[in-house]
Amino acid sequence: MINTHTPGPWTVDGKYILSGCGNYHLAFLTNADDDQIEEWKANASLISAAPELLEALEMLMAQEPSKSCNVNAYDRACWQYANEAISKAKA
């Protein structure tokens, strides 16, 4: 699977999430009430980190032990969860 999303880095500028490649708007975050502003900021931070998070997971997957290795169930579940997150991001 290849990446077809807008390459990072993405940044937050006011209510916009911007692409680092050309600084065009990727997303506009709607107005938030005063009691929602912290949630809005947290959402913007998470969205803007998406390209780096995907890249980090892909780098980690290169280190995944083979199926024949003796890896405990927790570690195996972590690798599976990371792989599923990558698939979801690229769907």
N, C-alpha and C. Protein backbone atom coordinates (compact mmCIF):
# COMPACT_ATOMS: atom_id res chain seq x y z
N MET A 1 0.83 -1.17 0.00
CA MET A 1 0.00 0.00 0.00
C MET A 1 0.88 1.24 0.00
N ILE A 2 0.56 2.24 -0.82
CA ILE A 2 1.33 3.47 -0.84
C ILE A 2 0.53 4.58 -0.17
N ASN A 3 1.26 5.59 0.30
CA ASN A 3 0.59 6.73 0.91
C ASN A 3 -0.01 7.62 -0.16
N THR A 4 -1.30 7.89 -0.06
CA THR A 4 -1.95 8.80 -1.01
C THR A 4 -2.43 10.06 -0.32
N HIS A 5 -2.18 10.17 1.00
CA HIS A 5 -2.60 11.36 1.74
C HIS A 5 -1.64 12.52 1.47
N THR A 6 -2.05 13.72 1.83
CA THR A 6 -1.19 14.89 1.72
C THR A 6 -0.01 14.71 2.66
N PRO A 7 1.21 14.86 2.15
CA PRO A 7 2.36 14.64 3.01
C PRO A 7 2.45 15.67 4.13
N GLY A 8 3.04 15.25 5.24
CA GLY A 8 3.25 16.15 6.37
C GLY A 8 4.48 16.99 6.14
N PRO A 9 4.84 17.81 7.06
CA PRO A 9 4.14 17.99 8.33
C PRO A 9 2.86 18.80 8.16
N TRP A 10 1.93 18.57 9.06
CA TRP A 10 0.73 19.37 9.13
C TRP A 10 0.83 20.24 10.37
N THR A 11 0.30 21.43 10.30
CA THR A 11 0.35 22.34 11.44
C THR A 11 -1.02 22.92 11.71
N VAL A 12 -1.20 23.43 12.91
CA VAL A 12 -2.44 24.08 13.30
C VAL A 12 -2.20 25.58 13.27
N ASP A 13 -3.08 26.31 12.60
CA ASP A 13 -3.01 27.77 12.54
C ASP A 13 -4.43 28.29 12.77
N GLY A 14 -4.69 28.67 13.99
CA GLY A 14 -6.05 29.12 14.33
C GLY A 14 -7.01 27.97 14.18
N LYS A 15 -7.97 28.12 13.29
CA LYS A 15 -8.99 27.09 13.08
C LYS A 15 -8.67 26.19 11.90
N TYR A 16 -7.49 26.35 11.33
CA TYR A 16 -7.13 25.59 10.14
C TYR A 16 -6.01 24.59 10.44
N ILE A 17 -6.08 23.45 9.80
CA ILE A 17 -4.97 22.53 9.77
C ILE A 17 -4.36 22.69 8.39
N LEU A 18 -3.07 23.02 8.37
CA LEU A 18 -2.39 23.35 7.13
C LEU A 18 -1.41 22.27 6.72
N SER A 19 -1.24 22.12 5.42
CA SER A 19 -0.22 21.23 4.89
C SER A 19 1.09 21.97 4.89
N GLY A 20 2.17 21.29 5.25
CA GLY A 20 3.50 21.88 5.18
C GLY A 20 3.96 22.07 3.75
N CYS A 21 3.36 21.37 2.83
CA CYS A 21 3.72 21.48 1.41
C CYS A 21 2.78 22.47 0.74
N GLY A 22 3.09 23.71 0.81
CA GLY A 22 2.26 24.72 0.16
C GLY A 22 1.35 25.46 1.10
N ASN A 23 1.31 25.08 2.36
CA ASN A 23 0.47 25.74 3.36
C ASN A 23 -0.97 25.93 2.90
N TYR A 24 -1.56 24.93 2.30
CA TYR A 24 -2.97 25.03 1.99
C TYR A 24 -3.79 24.32 3.06
N HIS A 25 -5.05 24.69 3.13
CA HIS A 25 -5.93 24.19 4.19
C HIS A 25 -6.30 22.74 3.93
N LEU A 26 -6.05 21.91 4.93
CA LEU A 26 -6.49 20.52 4.88
C LEU A 26 -7.84 20.36 5.56
N ALA A 27 -8.03 21.16 6.62
CA ALA A 27 -9.26 21.05 7.40
C ALA A 27 -9.54 22.38 8.07
N PHE A 28 -10.81 22.63 8.28
CA PHE A 28 -11.25 23.79 9.03
C PHE A 28 -12.02 23.26 10.23
N LEU A 29 -11.59 23.66 11.39
CA LEU A 29 -12.25 23.22 12.61
C LEU A 29 -13.33 24.23 12.97
N THR A 30 -14.53 23.75 13.13
CA THR A 30 -15.68 24.63 13.35
C THR A 30 -15.57 25.35 14.69
N ASN A 31 -16.38 26.37 14.81
CA ASN A 31 -16.39 27.15 16.05
C ASN A 31 -16.69 26.26 17.25
N ALA A 32 -16.01 26.57 18.32
CA ALA A 32 -16.23 25.82 19.57
C ALA A 32 -16.74 26.79 20.62
N ASP A 33 -17.64 26.31 21.44
CA ASP A 33 -18.07 27.10 22.59
C ASP A 33 -16.91 27.20 23.56
N ASP A 34 -16.97 28.15 24.47
CA ASP A 34 -15.90 28.34 25.44
C ASP A 34 -15.60 27.07 26.22
N ASP A 35 -16.63 26.29 26.54
CA ASP A 35 -16.39 25.07 27.31
C ASP A 35 -15.86 23.93 26.44
N GLN A 36 -15.78 24.12 25.13
CA GLN A 36 -15.27 23.09 24.22
C GLN A 36 -13.88 23.40 23.68
N ILE A 37 -13.32 24.56 24.02
CA ILE A 37 -12.08 25.00 23.39
C ILE A 37 -10.92 24.06 23.65
N GLU A 38 -10.82 23.48 24.84
CA GLU A 38 -9.73 22.55 25.13
C GLU A 38 -9.87 21.28 24.30
N GLU A 39 -11.10 20.80 24.14
CA GLU A 39 -11.33 19.63 23.29
C GLU A 39 -10.97 19.94 21.84
N TRP A 40 -11.34 21.13 21.37
CA TRP A 40 -11.04 21.56 20.00
C TRP A 40 -9.53 21.60 19.79
N LYS A 41 -8.80 22.16 20.75
CA LYS A 41 -7.33 22.23 20.63
C LYS A 41 -6.72 20.83 20.62
N ALA A 42 -7.23 19.95 21.46
CA ALA A 42 -6.72 18.57 21.51
C ALA A 42 -6.99 17.85 20.19
N ASN A 43 -8.18 18.03 19.62
CA ASN A 43 -8.49 17.42 18.33
C ASN A 43 -7.57 17.93 17.25
N ALA A 44 -7.33 19.24 17.23
CA ALA A 44 -6.45 19.84 16.22
C ALA A 44 -5.04 19.29 16.35
N SER A 45 -4.54 19.14 17.56
CA SER A 45 -3.19 18.61 17.77
C SER A 45 -3.09 17.17 17.28
N LEU A 46 -4.09 16.36 17.60
CA LEU A 46 -4.08 14.97 17.18
C LEU A 46 -4.14 14.86 15.66
N ILE A 47 -5.01 15.62 15.03
CA ILE A 47 -5.13 15.57 13.57
C ILE A 47 -3.82 16.01 12.92
N SER A 48 -3.23 17.08 13.42
CA SER A 48 -2.01 17.58 12.79
C SER A 48 -0.83 16.63 12.97
N ALA A 49 -0.87 15.76 13.98
CA ALA A 49 0.20 14.79 14.21
C ALA A 49 0.03 13.51 13.38
N ALA A 50 -1.07 13.37 12.68
CA ALA A 50 -1.37 12.12 11.97
C ALA A 50 -0.26 11.66 11.03
N PRO A 51 0.32 12.50 10.18
CA PRO A 51 1.37 11.99 9.29
C PRO A 51 2.58 11.43 10.05
N GLU A 52 2.98 12.10 11.12
CA GLU A 52 4.12 11.62 11.90
C GLU A 52 3.79 10.33 12.65
N LEU A 53 2.57 10.22 13.15
CA LEU A 53 2.15 9.00 13.83
C LEU A 53 2.15 7.81 12.87
N LEU A 54 1.64 8.03 11.67
CA LEU A 54 1.63 6.96 10.66
C LEU A 54 3.06 6.55 10.31
N GLU A 55 3.92 7.53 10.10
CA GLU A 55 5.31 7.23 9.75
C GLU A 55 6.00 6.45 10.87
N ALA A 56 5.76 6.84 12.11
CA ALA A 56 6.37 6.14 13.25
C ALA A 56 5.90 4.69 13.32
N LEU A 57 4.60 4.47 13.12
CA LEU A 57 4.09 3.10 13.14
C LEU A 57 4.69 2.27 12.01
N GLU A 58 4.81 2.86 10.84
CA GLU A 58 5.39 2.13 9.71
C GLU A 58 6.85 1.78 9.99
N MET A 59 7.58 2.68 10.64
CA MET A 59 8.97 2.39 11.00
C MET A 59 9.04 1.25 12.01
N LEU A 60 8.12 1.26 12.98
CA LEU A 60 8.09 0.19 13.97
C LEU A 60 7.75 -1.15 13.35
N MET A 61 6.86 -1.16 12.37
CA MET A 61 6.46 -2.41 11.75
C MET A 61 7.63 -3.10 11.06
N ALA A 62 8.62 -2.34 10.63
CA ALA A 62 9.81 -2.94 10.02
C ALA A 62 10.57 -3.78 11.03
N GLN A 63 10.33 -3.56 12.31
CA GLN A 63 11.01 -4.30 13.38
C GLN A 63 10.16 -5.45 13.93
N GLU A 64 8.98 -5.66 13.35
CA GLU A 64 8.09 -6.71 13.85
C GLU A 64 8.77 -8.08 13.74
N PRO A 65 8.75 -8.83 14.84
CA PRO A 65 9.35 -10.17 14.77
C PRO A 65 8.55 -11.08 13.85
N SER A 66 9.22 -12.04 13.29
CA SER A 66 8.53 -12.99 12.41
C SER A 66 7.56 -13.83 13.23
N LYS A 67 6.61 -14.42 12.55
CA LYS A 67 5.60 -15.25 13.22
C LYS A 67 6.24 -16.43 13.95
N SER A 68 7.41 -16.86 13.48
CA SER A 68 8.06 -18.02 14.10
C SER A 68 8.80 -17.66 15.39
N CYS A 69 8.99 -16.36 15.65
CA CYS A 69 9.69 -15.95 16.88
C CYS A 69 8.80 -16.17 18.10
N ASN A 70 9.43 -16.45 19.20
CA ASN A 70 8.72 -16.66 20.45
C ASN A 70 8.45 -15.29 21.09
N VAL A 71 7.28 -14.72 20.79
CA VAL A 71 6.89 -13.42 21.30
C VAL A 71 5.64 -13.62 22.16
N ASN A 72 5.62 -12.94 23.33
CA ASN A 72 4.46 -13.13 24.21
C ASN A 72 3.19 -12.55 23.59
N ALA A 73 2.07 -12.95 24.12
CA ALA A 73 0.76 -12.58 23.56
C ALA A 73 0.53 -11.08 23.58
N TYR A 74 0.99 -10.40 24.64
CA TYR A 74 0.81 -8.95 24.73
C TYR A 74 1.56 -8.24 23.60
N ASP A 75 2.83 -8.61 23.39
CA ASP A 75 3.62 -7.99 22.33
C ASP A 75 3.01 -8.28 20.96
N ARG A 76 2.58 -9.51 20.76
CA ARG A 76 1.96 -9.88 19.48
C ARG A 76 0.70 -9.04 19.25
N ALA A 77 -0.10 -8.84 20.30
CA ALA A 77 -1.31 -8.02 20.19
C ALA A 77 -0.96 -6.56 19.86
N CYS A 78 0.13 -6.06 20.43
CA CYS A 78 0.56 -4.68 20.13
C CYS A 78 0.93 -4.54 18.66
N TRP A 79 1.68 -5.50 18.13
CA TRP A 79 2.05 -5.46 16.71
C TRP A 79 0.80 -5.52 15.83
N GLN A 80 -0.15 -6.38 16.21
CA GLN A 80 -1.38 -6.50 15.43
C GLN A 80 -2.16 -5.19 15.47
N TYR A 81 -2.25 -4.58 16.64
CA TYR A 81 -2.97 -3.31 16.80
C TYR A 81 -2.33 -2.22 15.95
N ALA A 82 -1.00 -2.15 15.95
CA ALA A 82 -0.29 -1.16 15.14
C ALA A 82 -0.56 -1.39 13.66
N ASN A 83 -0.54 -2.64 13.23
CA ASN A 83 -0.80 -2.96 11.83
C ASN A 83 -2.23 -2.59 11.43
N GLU A 84 -3.18 -2.82 12.32
CA GLU A 84 -4.57 -2.46 12.04
C GLU A 84 -4.73 -0.94 11.95
N ALA A 85 -4.01 -0.20 12.80
CA ALA A 85 -4.08 1.27 12.77
C ALA A 85 -3.52 1.79 11.44
N ILE A 86 -2.44 1.20 10.97
CA ILE A 86 -1.86 1.59 9.67
C ILE A 86 -2.87 1.34 8.56
N SER A 87 -3.48 0.16 8.58
CA SER A 87 -4.48 -0.17 7.55
C SER A 87 -5.65 0.81 7.59
N LYS A 88 -6.09 1.17 8.77
CA LYS A 88 -7.21 2.12 8.91
C LYS A 88 -6.81 3.49 8.37
N ALA A 89 -5.59 3.91 8.64
CA ALA A 89 -5.13 5.22 8.18
C ALA A 89 -5.01 5.27 6.66
N LYS A 90 -4.76 4.13 6.06
CA LYS A 90 -4.55 4.09 4.60
C LYS A 90 -5.79 3.66 3.83
N ALA A 91 -6.89 3.40 4.52
CA ALA A 91 -8.10 2.94 3.84
C ALA A 91 -8.71 4.03 2.99
